[in-house]
Amino acid sequence: MNLKKLFGQNVQKYRKYRNLTQEKLAELIGVDVTSISSIETGKYFPSADNLTKIVEALKIQIADLFEFDSLHSNDEIYSDIISLISAFKDDKKRLNAVRNFVKTLI
């Protein structure tokens, strides 16, 4: 998936979290609703000024819109972890390091 689509999905996620319609977000940042729709679908990326207005309206940090891991399901994350670990399945030292790290999280 491309950056504009992922970014747009985050805009939509935070907009919905704030219980804002596309129309209301557009009004808050001073653009028309088609601009918000185009951003959320990944067709366009907002200008720097509009990006600032978006994060202010959504009451988030700019970095939040570029955090894409939360868009993946638990199953996708789990599969990714297994895939990464399997790359060194024959390296006992690395596997022990991963196991010890995981234990600290539990």
PDB file of N, CA and C in Angstrom:
ATOM      1  N   MET A   1       0.855  -1.185   0.000  1.00  0.00           N
ATOM      2  CA  MET A   1       0.000   0.000   0.000  1.00  0.00           C
ATOM      3  C   MET A   1       0.896   1.243   0.000  1.00  0.00           C
ATOM      4  N   ASN A   2       0.479   2.286  -0.702  1.00  0.00           N
ATOM      5  CA  ASN A   2       1.336   3.455  -0.794  1.00  0.00           C
ATOM      6  C   ASN A   2       1.132   4.429   0.370  1.00  0.00           C
ATOM      7  N   LEU A   3       2.074   5.315   0.524  1.00  0.00           N
ATOM      8  CA  LEU A   3       2.095   6.257   1.645  1.00  0.00           C
ATOM      9  C   LEU A   3       0.841   7.119   1.699  1.00  0.00           C
ATOM     10  N   LYS A   4       0.389   7.617   0.550  1.00  0.00           N
ATOM     11  CA  LYS A   4      -0.803   8.475   0.551  1.00  0.00           C
ATOM     12  C   LYS A   4      -2.037   7.724   1.039  1.00  0.00           C
ATOM     13  N   LYS A   5      -2.167   6.464   0.648  1.00  0.00           N
ATOM     14  CA  LYS A   5      -3.322   5.674   1.102  1.00  0.00           C
ATOM     15  C   LYS A   5      -3.250   5.411   2.603  1.00  0.00           C
ATOM     16  N   LEU A   6      -2.072   5.032   3.088  1.00  0.00           N
ATOM     17  CA  LEU A   6      -1.906   4.779   4.519  1.00  0.00           C
ATOM     18  C   LEU A   6      -2.157   6.045   5.332  1.00  0.00           C
ATOM     19  N   PHE A   7      -1.611   7.149   4.855  1.00  0.00           N
ATOM     20  CA  PHE A   7      -1.822   8.427   5.507  1.00  0.00           C
ATOM     21  C   PHE A   7      -3.317   8.760   5.541  1.00  0.00           C
ATOM     22  N   GLY A   8      -3.968   8.595   4.407  1.00  0.00           N
ATOM     23  CA  GLY A   8      -5.397   8.887   4.315  1.00  0.00           C
ATOM     24  C   GLY A   8      -6.223   8.022   5.248  1.00  0.00           C
ATOM     25  N   GLN A   9      -5.856   6.765   5.380  1.00  0.00           N
ATOM     26  CA  GLN A   9      -6.562   5.881   6.303  1.00  0.00           C
ATOM     27  C   GLN A   9      -6.413   6.373   7.744  1.00  0.00           C
ATOM     28  N   ASN A  10      -5.234   6.887   8.073  1.00  0.00           N
ATOM     29  CA  ASN A  10      -5.042   7.431   9.416  1.00  0.00           C
ATOM     30  C   ASN A  10      -5.866   8.689   9.635  1.00  0.00           C
ATOM     31  N   VAL A  11      -5.934   9.554   8.639  1.00  0.00           N
ATOM     32  CA  VAL A  11      -6.773  10.747   8.762  1.00  0.00           C
ATOM     33  C   VAL A  11      -8.214  10.318   9.037  1.00  0.00           C
ATOM     34  N   GLN A  12      -8.690   9.369   8.265  1.00  0.00           N
ATOM     35  CA  GLN A  12     -10.054   8.884   8.443  1.00  0.00           C
ATOM     36  C   GLN A  12     -10.254   8.263   9.829  1.00  0.00           C
ATOM     37  N   LYS A  13      -9.294   7.466  10.270  1.00  0.00           N
ATOM     38  CA  LYS A  13      -9.391   6.815  11.579  1.00  0.00           C
ATOM     39  C   LYS A  13      -9.511   7.854  12.697  1.00  0.00           C
ATOM     40  N   TYR A  14      -8.642   8.858  12.685  1.00  0.00           N
ATOM     41  CA  TYR A  14      -8.678   9.876  13.738  1.00  0.00           C
ATOM     42  C   TYR A  14      -9.901  10.782  13.614  1.00  0.00           C
ATOM     43  N   ARG A  15     -10.337  11.041  12.386  1.00  0.00           N
ATOM     44  CA  ARG A  15     -11.549  11.849  12.190  1.00  0.00           C
ATOM     45  C   ARG A  15     -12.753  11.137  12.811  1.00  0.00           C
ATOM     46  N   LYS A  16     -12.861   9.855  12.540  1.00  0.00           N
ATOM     47  CA  LYS A  16     -13.975   9.089  13.096  1.00  0.00           C
ATOM     48  C   LYS A  16     -13.854   8.970  14.609  1.00  0.00           C
ATOM     49  N   TYR A  17     -12.640   8.824  15.108  1.00  0.00           N
ATOM     50  CA  TYR A  17     -12.415   8.749  16.554  1.00  0.00           C
ATOM     51  C   TYR A  17     -12.910  10.022  17.243  1.00  0.00           C
ATOM     52  N   ARG A  18     -12.748  11.149  16.561  1.00  0.00           N
ATOM     53  CA  ARG A  18     -13.212  12.437  17.102  1.00  0.00           C
ATOM     54  C   ARG A  18     -14.680  12.696  16.774  1.00  0.00           C
ATOM     55  N   ASN A  19     -15.346  11.723  16.178  1.00  0.00           N
ATOM     56  CA  ASN A  19     -16.756  11.848  15.792  1.00  0.00           C
ATOM     57  C   ASN A  19     -17.009  13.044  14.879  1.00  0.00           C
ATOM     58  N   LEU A  20     -16.094  13.224  13.930  1.00  0.00           N
ATOM     59  CA  LEU A  20     -16.242  14.303  12.951  1.00  0.00           C
ATOM     60  C   LEU A  20     -16.633  13.712  11.605  1.00  0.00           C
ATOM     61  N   THR A  21     -17.516  14.387  10.922  1.00  0.00           N
ATOM     62  CA  THR A  21     -17.820  14.019   9.544  1.00  0.00           C
ATOM     63  C   THR A  21     -16.746  14.634   8.648  1.00  0.00           C
ATOM     64  N   GLN A  22     -16.696  14.172   7.416  1.00  0.00           N
ATOM     65  CA  GLN A  22     -15.783  14.812   6.460  1.00  0.00           C
ATOM     66  C   GLN A  22     -16.144  16.284   6.300  1.00  0.00           C
ATOM     67  N   GLU A  23     -17.429  16.566   6.309  1.00  0.00           N
ATOM     68  CA  GLU A  23     -17.899  17.943   6.149  1.00  0.00           C
ATOM     69  C   GLU A  23     -17.408  18.833   7.294  1.00  0.00           C
ATOM     70  N   LYS A  24     -17.502  18.317   8.520  1.00  0.00           N
ATOM     71  CA  LYS A  24     -17.089  19.102   9.685  1.00  0.00           C
ATOM     72  C   LYS A  24     -15.581  19.314   9.688  1.00  0.00           C
ATOM     73  N   LEU A  25     -14.806  18.275   9.359  1.00  0.00           N
ATOM     74  CA  LEU A  25     -13.350  18.441   9.292  1.00  0.00           C
ATOM     75  C   LEU A  25     -12.984  19.446   8.211  1.00  0.00           C
ATOM     76  N   ALA A  26     -13.641  19.363   7.075  1.00  0.00           N
ATOM     77  CA  ALA A  26     -13.387  20.317   5.992  1.00  0.00           C
ATOM     78  C   ALA A  26     -13.658  21.745   6.462  1.00  0.00           C
ATOM     79  N   GLU A  27     -14.756  21.917   7.177  1.00  0.00           N
ATOM     80  CA  GLU A  27     -15.116  23.237   7.705  1.00  0.00           C
ATOM     81  C   GLU A  27     -14.055  23.732   8.692  1.00  0.00           C
ATOM     82  N   LEU A  28     -13.588  22.845   9.564  1.00  0.00           N
ATOM     83  CA  LEU A  28     -12.600  23.230  10.573  1.00  0.00           C
ATOM     84  C   LEU A  28     -11.269  23.666   9.969  1.00  0.00           C
ATOM     85  N   ILE A  29     -10.903  23.056   8.853  1.00  0.00           N
ATOM     86  CA  ILE A  29      -9.600  23.419   8.272  1.00  0.00           C
ATOM     87  C   ILE A  29      -9.706  24.351   7.065  1.00  0.00           C
ATOM     88  N   GLY A  30     -10.929  24.646   6.668  1.00  0.00           N
ATOM     89  CA  GLY A  30     -11.124  25.625   5.606  1.00  0.00           C
ATOM     90  C   GLY A  30     -10.916  25.116   4.198  1.00  0.00           C
ATOM     91  N   VAL A  31     -11.330  23.870   3.954  1.00  0.00           N
ATOM     92  CA  VAL A  31     -11.264  23.313   2.601  1.00  0.00           C
ATOM     93  C   VAL A  31     -12.632  22.738   2.262  1.00  0.00           C
ATOM     94  N   ASP A  32     -12.802  22.324   1.007  1.00  0.00           N
ATOM     95  CA  ASP A  32     -14.087  21.705   0.664  1.00  0.00           C
ATOM     96  C   ASP A  32     -14.024  20.210   0.969  1.00  0.00           C
ATOM     97  N   VAL A  33     -15.183  19.622   1.096  1.00  0.00           N
ATOM     98  CA  VAL A  33     -15.289  18.231   1.512  1.00  0.00           C
ATOM     99  C   VAL A  33     -14.615  17.281   0.524  1.00  0.00           C
ATOM    100  N   THR A  34     -14.569  17.632  -0.744  1.00  0.00           N
ATOM    101  CA  THR A  34     -13.906  16.759  -1.718  1.00  0.00           C
ATOM    102  C   THR A  34     -12.409  16.660  -1.439  1.00  0.00           C
ATOM    103  N   SER A  35     -11.839  17.709  -0.851  1.00  0.00           N
ATOM    104  CA  SER A  35     -10.416  17.660  -0.486  1.00  0.00           C
ATOM    105  C   SER A  35     -10.185  16.625   0.604  1.00  0.00           C
ATOM    106  N   ILE A  36     -11.074  16.602   1.596  1.00  0.00           N
ATOM    107  CA  ILE A  36     -10.943  15.614   2.666  1.00  0.00           C
ATOM    108  C   ILE A  36     -11.125  14.208   2.109  1.00  0.00           C
ATOM    109  N   SER A  37     -12.112  14.035   1.268  1.00  0.00           N
ATOM    110  CA  SER A  37     -12.346  12.732   0.649  1.00  0.00           C
ATOM    111  C   SER A  37     -11.126  12.289  -0.150  1.00  0.00           C
ATOM    112  N   SER A  38     -10.540  13.198  -0.899  1.00  0.00           N
ATOM    113  CA  SER A  38      -9.370  12.876  -1.716  1.00  0.00           C
ATOM    114  C   SER A  38      -8.156  12.528  -0.860  1.00  0.00           C
ATOM    115  N   ILE A  39      -8.023  13.180   0.284  1.00  0.00           N
ATOM    116  CA  ILE A  39      -6.928  12.859   1.201  1.00  0.00           C
ATOM    117  C   ILE A  39      -7.153  11.473   1.801  1.00  0.00           C
ATOM    118  N   GLU A  40      -8.373  11.219   2.264  1.00  0.00           N
ATOM    119  CA  GLU A  40      -8.669   9.944   2.924  1.00  0.00           C
ATOM    120  C   GLU A  40      -8.576   8.750   1.984  1.00  0.00           C
ATOM    121  N   THR A  41      -8.825   8.951   0.720  1.00  0.00           N
ATOM    122  CA  THR A  41      -8.726   7.847  -0.235  1.00  0.00           C
ATOM    123  C   THR A  41      -7.325   7.704  -0.824  1.00  0.00           C
ATOM    124  N   GLY A  42      -6.428   8.617  -0.451  1.00  0.00           N
ATOM    125  CA  GLY A  42      -5.057   8.539  -0.930  1.00  0.00           C
ATOM    126  C   GLY A  42      -4.834   9.142  -2.290  1.00  0.00           C
ATOM    127  N   LYS A  43      -5.799   9.888  -2.778  1.00  0.00           N
ATOM    128  CA  LYS A  43      -5.648  10.517  -4.090  1.00  0.00           C
ATOM    129  C   LYS A  43      -4.711  11.720  -4.003  1.00  0.00           C
ATOM    130  N   TYR A  44      -4.839  12.485  -2.931  1.00  0.00           N
ATOM    131  CA  TYR A  44      -4.013  13.669  -2.734  1.00  0.00           C
ATOM    132  C   TYR A  44      -3.411  13.669  -1.347  1.00  0.00           C
ATOM    133  N   PHE A  45      -2.286  14.377  -1.209  1.00  0.00           N
ATOM    134  CA  PHE A  45      -1.651  14.598   0.084  1.00  0.00           C
ATOM    135  C   PHE A  45      -1.842  16.072   0.426  1.00  0.00           C
ATOM    136  N   PRO A  46      -2.150  16.400   1.686  1.00  0.00           N
ATOM    137  CA  PRO A  46      -2.404  17.805   2.025  1.00  0.00           C
ATOM    138  C   PRO A  46      -1.139  18.656   1.979  1.00  0.00           C
ATOM    139  N   SER A  47      -1.340  19.942   1.748  1.00  0.00           N
ATOM    140  CA  SER A  47      -0.215  20.877   1.810  1.00  0.00           C
ATOM    141  C   SER A  47       0.278  20.948   3.252  1.00  0.00           C
ATOM    142  N   ALA A  48       1.439  21.527   3.457  1.00  0.00           N
ATOM    143  CA  ALA A  48       1.990  21.656   4.814  1.00  0.00           C
ATOM    144  C   ALA A  48       1.047  22.454   5.710  1.00  0.00           C
ATOM    145  N   ASP A  49       0.473  23.528   5.171  1.00  0.00           N
ATOM    146  CA  ASP A  49      -0.465  24.334   5.964  1.00  0.00           C
ATOM    147  C   ASP A  49      -1.697  23.527   6.345  1.00  0.00           C
ATOM    148  N   ASN A  50      -2.257  22.798   5.398  1.00  0.00           N
ATOM    149  CA  ASN A  50      -3.445  21.993   5.694  1.00  0.00           C
ATOM    150  C   ASN A  50      -3.129  20.813   6.604  1.00  0.00           C
ATOM    151  N   LEU A  51      -1.922  20.276   6.483  1.00  0.00           N
ATOM    152  CA  LEU A  51      -1.514  19.205   7.388  1.00  0.00           C
ATOM    153  C   LEU A  51      -1.521  19.715   8.835  1.00  0.00           C
ATOM    154  N   THR A  52      -0.994  20.898   9.036  1.00  0.00           N
ATOM    155  CA  THR A  52      -1.001  21.516  10.368  1.00  0.00           C
ATOM    156  C   THR A  52      -2.426  21.715  10.861  1.00  0.00           C
ATOM    157  N   LYS A  53      -3.299  22.183   9.993  1.00  0.00           N
ATOM    158  CA  LYS A  53      -4.700  22.401  10.377  1.00  0.00           C
ATOM    159  C   LYS A  53      -5.404  21.087  10.699  1.00  0.00           C
ATOM    160  N   ILE A  54      -5.082  20.039   9.954  1.00  0.00           N
ATOM    161  CA  ILE A  54      -5.692  18.725  10.191  1.00  0.00           C
ATOM    162  C   ILE A  54      -5.318  18.213  11.571  1.00  0.00           C
ATOM    163  N   VAL A  55      -4.021  18.255  11.909  1.00  0.00           N
ATOM    164  CA  VAL A  55      -3.623  17.724  13.218  1.00  0.00           C
ATOM    165  C   VAL A  55      -4.182  18.568  14.357  1.00  0.00           C
ATOM    166  N   GLU A  56      -4.327  19.862  14.134  1.00  0.00           N
ATOM    167  CA  GLU A  56      -4.937  20.709  15.163  1.00  0.00           C
ATOM    168  C   GLU A  56      -6.417  20.373  15.333  1.00  0.00           C
ATOM    169  N   ALA A  57      -7.107  20.170  14.229  1.00  0.00           N
ATOM    170  CA  ALA A  57      -8.537  19.842  14.288  1.00  0.00           C
ATOM    171  C   ALA A  57      -8.771  18.468  14.917  1.00  0.00           C
ATOM    172  N   LEU A  58      -7.869  17.535  14.648  1.00  0.00           N
ATOM    173  CA  LEU A  58      -8.017  16.187  15.175  1.00  0.00           C
ATOM    174  C   LEU A  58      -7.407  16.031  16.569  1.00  0.00           C
ATOM    175  N   LYS A  59      -6.704  17.078  17.013  1.00  0.00           N
ATOM    176  CA  LYS A  59      -6.062  17.080  18.343  1.00  0.00           C
ATOM    177  C   LYS A  59      -5.081  15.914  18.495  1.00  0.00           C
ATOM    178  N   ILE A  60      -4.203  15.799  17.493  1.00  0.00           N
ATOM    179  CA  ILE A  60      -3.183  14.751  17.491  1.00  0.00           C
ATOM    180  C   ILE A  60      -1.845  15.377  17.112  1.00  0.00           C
ATOM    181  N   GLN A  61      -0.812  14.572  17.151  1.00  0.00           N
ATOM    182  CA  GLN A  61       0.515  14.988  16.701  1.00  0.00           C
ATOM    183  C   GLN A  61       0.678  14.598  15.227  1.00  0.00           C
ATOM    184  N   ILE A  62       1.500  15.327  14.513  1.00  0.00           N
ATOM    185  CA  ILE A  62       1.744  14.992  13.107  1.00  0.00           C
ATOM    186  C   ILE A  62       2.229  13.553  12.980  1.00  0.00           C
ATOM    187  N   ALA A  63       3.093  13.123  13.884  1.00  0.00           N
ATOM    188  CA  ALA A  63       3.639  11.758  13.821  1.00  0.00           C
ATOM    189  C   ALA A  63       2.543  10.704  13.860  1.00  0.00           C
ATOM    190  N   ASP A  64       1.425  11.000  14.529  1.00  0.00           N
ATOM    191  CA  ASP A  64       0.328  10.028  14.602  1.00  0.00           C
ATOM    192  C   ASP A  64      -0.193   9.658  13.218  1.00  0.00           C
ATOM    193  N   LEU A  65      -0.165  10.607  12.307  1.00  0.00           N
ATOM    194  CA  LEU A  65      -0.677  10.341  10.957  1.00  0.00           C
ATOM    195  C   LEU A  65       0.287   9.500  10.123  1.00  0.00           C
ATOM    196  N   PHE A  66       1.529   9.377  10.602  1.00  0.00           N
ATOM    197  CA  PHE A  66       2.527   8.595   9.886  1.00  0.00           C
ATOM    198  C   PHE A  66       2.869   7.293  10.604  1.00  0.00           C
ATOM    199  N   GLU A  67       2.073   6.924  11.595  1.00  0.00           N
ATOM    200  CA  GLU A  67       2.229   5.658  12.309  1.00  0.00           C
ATOM    201  C   GLU A  67       1.290   4.654  11.660  1.00  0.00           C
ATOM    202  N   PHE A  68       1.868   3.707  10.943  1.00  0.00           N
ATOM    203  CA  PHE A  68       1.047   2.816  10.138  1.00  0.00           C
ATOM    204  C   PHE A  68       0.867   1.420  10.708  1.00  0.00           C
ATOM    205  N   ASP A  69       1.601   1.030  11.732  1.00  0.00           N
ATOM    206  CA  ASP A  69       1.481  -0.314  12.287  1.00  0.00           C
ATOM    207  C   ASP A  69       0.089  -0.593  12.819  1.00  0.00           C
ATOM    208  N   SER A  70      -0.588   0.409  13.336  1.00  0.00           N
ATOM    209  CA  SER A  70      -1.903   0.183  13.919  1.00  0.00           C
ATOM    210  C   SER A  70      -2.962  -0.163  12.864  1.00  0.00           C
ATOM    211  N   LEU A  71      -2.619  -0.030  11.602  1.00  0.00           N
ATOM    212  CA  LEU A  71      -3.571  -0.355  10.548  1.00  0.00           C
ATOM    213  C   LEU A  71      -3.591  -1.847  10.223  1.00  0.00           C
ATOM    214  N   HIS A  72      -2.669  -2.587  10.818  1.00  0.00           N
ATOM    215  CA  HIS A  72      -2.596  -4.010  10.553  1.00  0.00           C
ATOM    216  C   HIS A  72      -3.358  -4.785  11.625  1.00  0.00           C
ATOM    217  N   SER A  73      -3.931  -5.885  11.232  1.00  0.00           N
ATOM    218  CA  SER A  73      -4.660  -6.731  12.179  1.00  0.00           C
ATOM    219  C   SER A  73      -3.665  -7.477  13.061  1.00  0.00           C
ATOM    220  N   ASN A  74      -4.160  -8.018  14.155  1.00  0.00           N
ATOM    221  CA  ASN A  74      -3.316  -8.822  15.040  1.00  0.00           C
ATOM    222  C   ASN A  74      -2.718 -10.007  14.294  1.00  0.00           C
ATOM    223  N   ASP A  75      -3.516 -10.633  13.443  1.00  0.00           N
ATOM    224  CA  ASP A  75      -3.017 -11.777  12.676  1.00  0.00           C
ATOM    225  C   ASP A  75      -1.876 -11.373  11.750  1.00  0.00           C
ATOM    226  N   GLU A  76      -1.998 -10.208  11.120  1.00  0.00           N
ATOM    227  CA  GLU A  76      -0.929  -9.730  10.234  1.00  0.00           C
ATOM    228  C   GLU A  76       0.346  -9.431  11.021  1.00  0.00           C
ATOM    229  N   ILE A  77       0.202  -8.819  12.177  1.00  0.00           N
ATOM    230  CA  ILE A  77       1.364  -8.507  13.018  1.00  0.00           C
ATOM    231  C   ILE A  77       2.028  -9.801  13.484  1.00  0.00           C
ATOM    232  N   TYR A  78       1.210 -10.754  13.946  1.00  0.00           N
ATOM    233  CA  TYR A  78       1.730 -12.042  14.408  1.00  0.00           C
ATOM    234  C   TYR A  78       2.494 -12.743  13.280  1.00  0.00           C
ATOM    235  N   SER A  79       1.911 -12.793  12.098  1.00  0.00           N
ATOM    236  CA  SER A  79       2.566 -13.438  10.959  1.00  0.00           C
ATOM    237  C   SER A  79       3.881 -12.755  10.616  1.00  0.00           C
ATOM    238  N   ASP A  80       3.903 -11.447  10.712  1.00  0.00           N
ATOM    239  CA  ASP A  80       5.123 -10.695  10.432  1.00  0.00           C
ATOM    240  C   ASP A  80       6.210 -11.036  11.443  1.00  0.00           C
ATOM    241  N   ILE A  81       5.833 -11.112  12.715  1.00  0.00           N
ATOM    242  CA  ILE A  81       6.800 -11.464  13.762  1.00  0.00           C
ATOM    243  C   ILE A  81       7.366 -12.853  13.520  1.00  0.00           C
ATOM    244  N   ILE A  82       6.497 -13.814  13.224  1.00  0.00           N
ATOM    245  CA  ILE A  82       6.946 -15.185  12.959  1.00  0.00           C
ATOM    246  C   ILE A  82       7.885 -15.215  11.758  1.00  0.00           C
ATOM    247  N   SER A  83       7.552 -14.475  10.733  1.00  0.00           N
ATOM    248  CA  SER A  83       8.391 -14.422   9.539  1.00  0.00           C
ATOM    249  C   SER A  83       9.771 -13.843   9.865  1.00  0.00           C
ATOM    250  N   LEU A  84       9.786 -12.785  10.657  1.00  0.00           N
ATOM    251  CA  LEU A  84      11.065 -12.173  11.038  1.00  0.00           C
ATOM    252  C   LEU A  84      11.919 -13.124  11.874  1.00  0.00           C
ATOM    253  N   ILE A  85      11.289 -13.804  12.807  1.00  0.00           N
ATOM    254  CA  ILE A  85      12.020 -14.724  13.682  1.00  0.00           C
ATOM    255  C   ILE A  85      12.516 -15.940  12.904  1.00  0.00           C
ATOM    256  N   SER A  86      11.731 -16.408  11.962  1.00  0.00           N
ATOM    257  CA  SER A  86      12.129 -17.606  11.211  1.00  0.00           C
ATOM    258  C   SER A  86      13.397 -17.369  10.393  1.00  0.00           C
ATOM    259  N   ALA A  87      13.730 -16.122  10.147  1.00  0.00           N
ATOM    260  CA  ALA A  87      14.941 -15.805   9.392  1.00  0.00           C
ATOM    261  C   ALA A  87      16.202 -16.262  10.127  1.00  0.00           C
ATOM    262  N   PHE A  88      16.110 -16.395  11.443  1.00  0.00           N
ATOM    263  CA  PHE A  88      17.274 -16.874  12.197  1.00  0.00           C
ATOM    264  C   PHE A  88      16.924 -18.036  13.125  1.00  0.00           C
ATOM    265  N   LYS A  89      16.069 -18.930  12.635  1.00  0.00           N
ATOM    266  CA  LYS A  89      15.612 -20.061  13.442  1.00  0.00           C
ATOM    267  C   LYS A  89      16.741 -21.004  13.839  1.00  0.00           C
ATOM    268  N   ASP A  90      17.843 -21.008  13.106  1.00  0.00           N
ATOM    269  CA  ASP A  90      18.972 -21.881  13.433  1.00  0.00           C
ATOM    270  C   ASP A  90      20.031 -21.179  14.275  1.00  0.00           C
ATOM    271  N   ASP A  91      19.766 -19.966  14.691  1.00  0.00           N
ATOM    272  CA  ASP A  91      20.713 -19.183  15.501  1.00  0.00           C
ATOM    273  C   ASP A  91      20.221 -19.148  16.944  1.00  0.00           C
ATOM    274  N   LYS A  92      20.726 -20.095  17.730  1.00  0.00           N
ATOM    275  CA  LYS A  92      20.258 -20.266  19.110  1.00  0.00           C
ATOM    276  C   LYS A  92      20.455 -19.001  19.939  1.00  0.00           C
ATOM    277  N   LYS A  93      21.543 -18.314  19.737  1.00  0.00           N
ATOM    278  CA  LYS A  93      21.839 -17.104  20.510  1.00  0.00           C
ATOM    279  C   LYS A  93      20.768 -16.030  20.257  1.00  0.00           C
ATOM    280  N   ARG A  94      20.426 -15.825  19.007  1.00  0.00           N
ATOM    281  CA  ARG A  94      19.408 -14.821  18.662  1.00  0.00           C
ATOM    282  C   ARG A  94      18.023 -15.238  19.142  1.00  0.00           C
ATOM    283  N   LEU A  95      17.699 -16.508  18.993  1.00  0.00           N
ATOM    284  CA  LEU A  95      16.400 -16.991  19.464  1.00  0.00           C
ATOM    285  C   LEU A  95      16.263 -16.816  20.976  1.00  0.00           C
ATOM    286  N   ASN A  96      17.326 -17.110  21.718  1.00  0.00           N
ATOM    287  CA  ASN A  96      17.296 -16.906  23.167  1.00  0.00           C
ATOM    288  C   ASN A  96      17.125 -15.426  23.508  1.00  0.00           C
ATOM    289  N   ALA A  97      17.771 -14.567  22.737  1.00  0.00           N
ATOM    290  CA  ALA A  97      17.640 -13.128  22.970  1.00  0.00           C
ATOM    291  C   ALA A  97      16.195 -12.675  22.749  1.00  0.00           C
ATOM    292  N   VAL A  98      15.572 -13.186  21.698  1.00  0.00           N
ATOM    293  CA  VAL A  98      14.176 -12.849  21.423  1.00  0.00           C
ATOM    294  C   VAL A  98      13.280 -13.389  22.528  1.00  0.00           C
ATOM    295  N   ARG A  99      13.503 -14.648  22.921  1.00  0.00           N
ATOM    296  CA  ARG A  99      12.701 -15.247  23.988  1.00  0.00           C
ATOM    297  C   ARG A  99      12.812 -14.435  25.283  1.00  0.00           C
ATOM    298  N   ASN A 100      14.028 -14.043  25.629  1.00  0.00           N
ATOM    299  CA  ASN A 100      14.224 -13.260  26.847  1.00  0.00           C
ATOM    300  C   ASN A 100      13.554 -11.893  26.753  1.00  0.00           C
ATOM    301  N   PHE A 101      13.603 -11.302  25.585  1.00  0.00           N
ATOM    302  CA  PHE A 101      12.939 -10.018  25.401  1.00  0.00           C
ATOM    303  C   PHE A 101      11.428 -10.159  25.548  1.00  0.00           C
ATOM    304  N   VAL A 102      10.878 -11.187  24.916  1.00  0.00           N
ATOM    305  CA  VAL A 102       9.435 -11.417  24.988  1.00  0.00           C
ATOM    306  C   VAL A 102       9.006 -11.655  26.435  1.00  0.00           C
ATOM    307  N   LYS A 103       9.820 -12.391  27.178  1.00  0.00           N
ATOM    308  CA  LYS A 103       9.509 -12.642  28.589  1.00  0.00           C
ATOM    309  C   LYS A 103       9.411 -11.336  29.383  1.00  0.00           C
ATOM    310  N   THR A 104      10.220 -10.349  29.028  1.00  0.00           N
ATOM    311  CA  THR A 104      10.152  -9.071  29.756  1.00  0.00           C
ATOM    312  C   THR A 104       8.854  -8.327  29.481  1.00  0.00           C
ATOM    313  N   LEU A 105       8.209  -8.643  28.365  1.00  0.00           N
ATOM    314  CA  LEU A 105       6.958  -7.983  28.007  1.00  0.00           C
ATOM    315  C   LEU A 105       5.749  -8.617  28.684  1.00  0.00           C
ATOM    316  N   ILE A 106       5.917  -9.840  29.122  1.00  0.00           N
ATOM    317  CA  ILE A 106       4.786 -10.586  29.685  1.00  0.00           C
ATOM    318  C   ILE A 106       4.641 -10.343  31.167  1.00  0.00           C
TER     319      ILE A 106
END
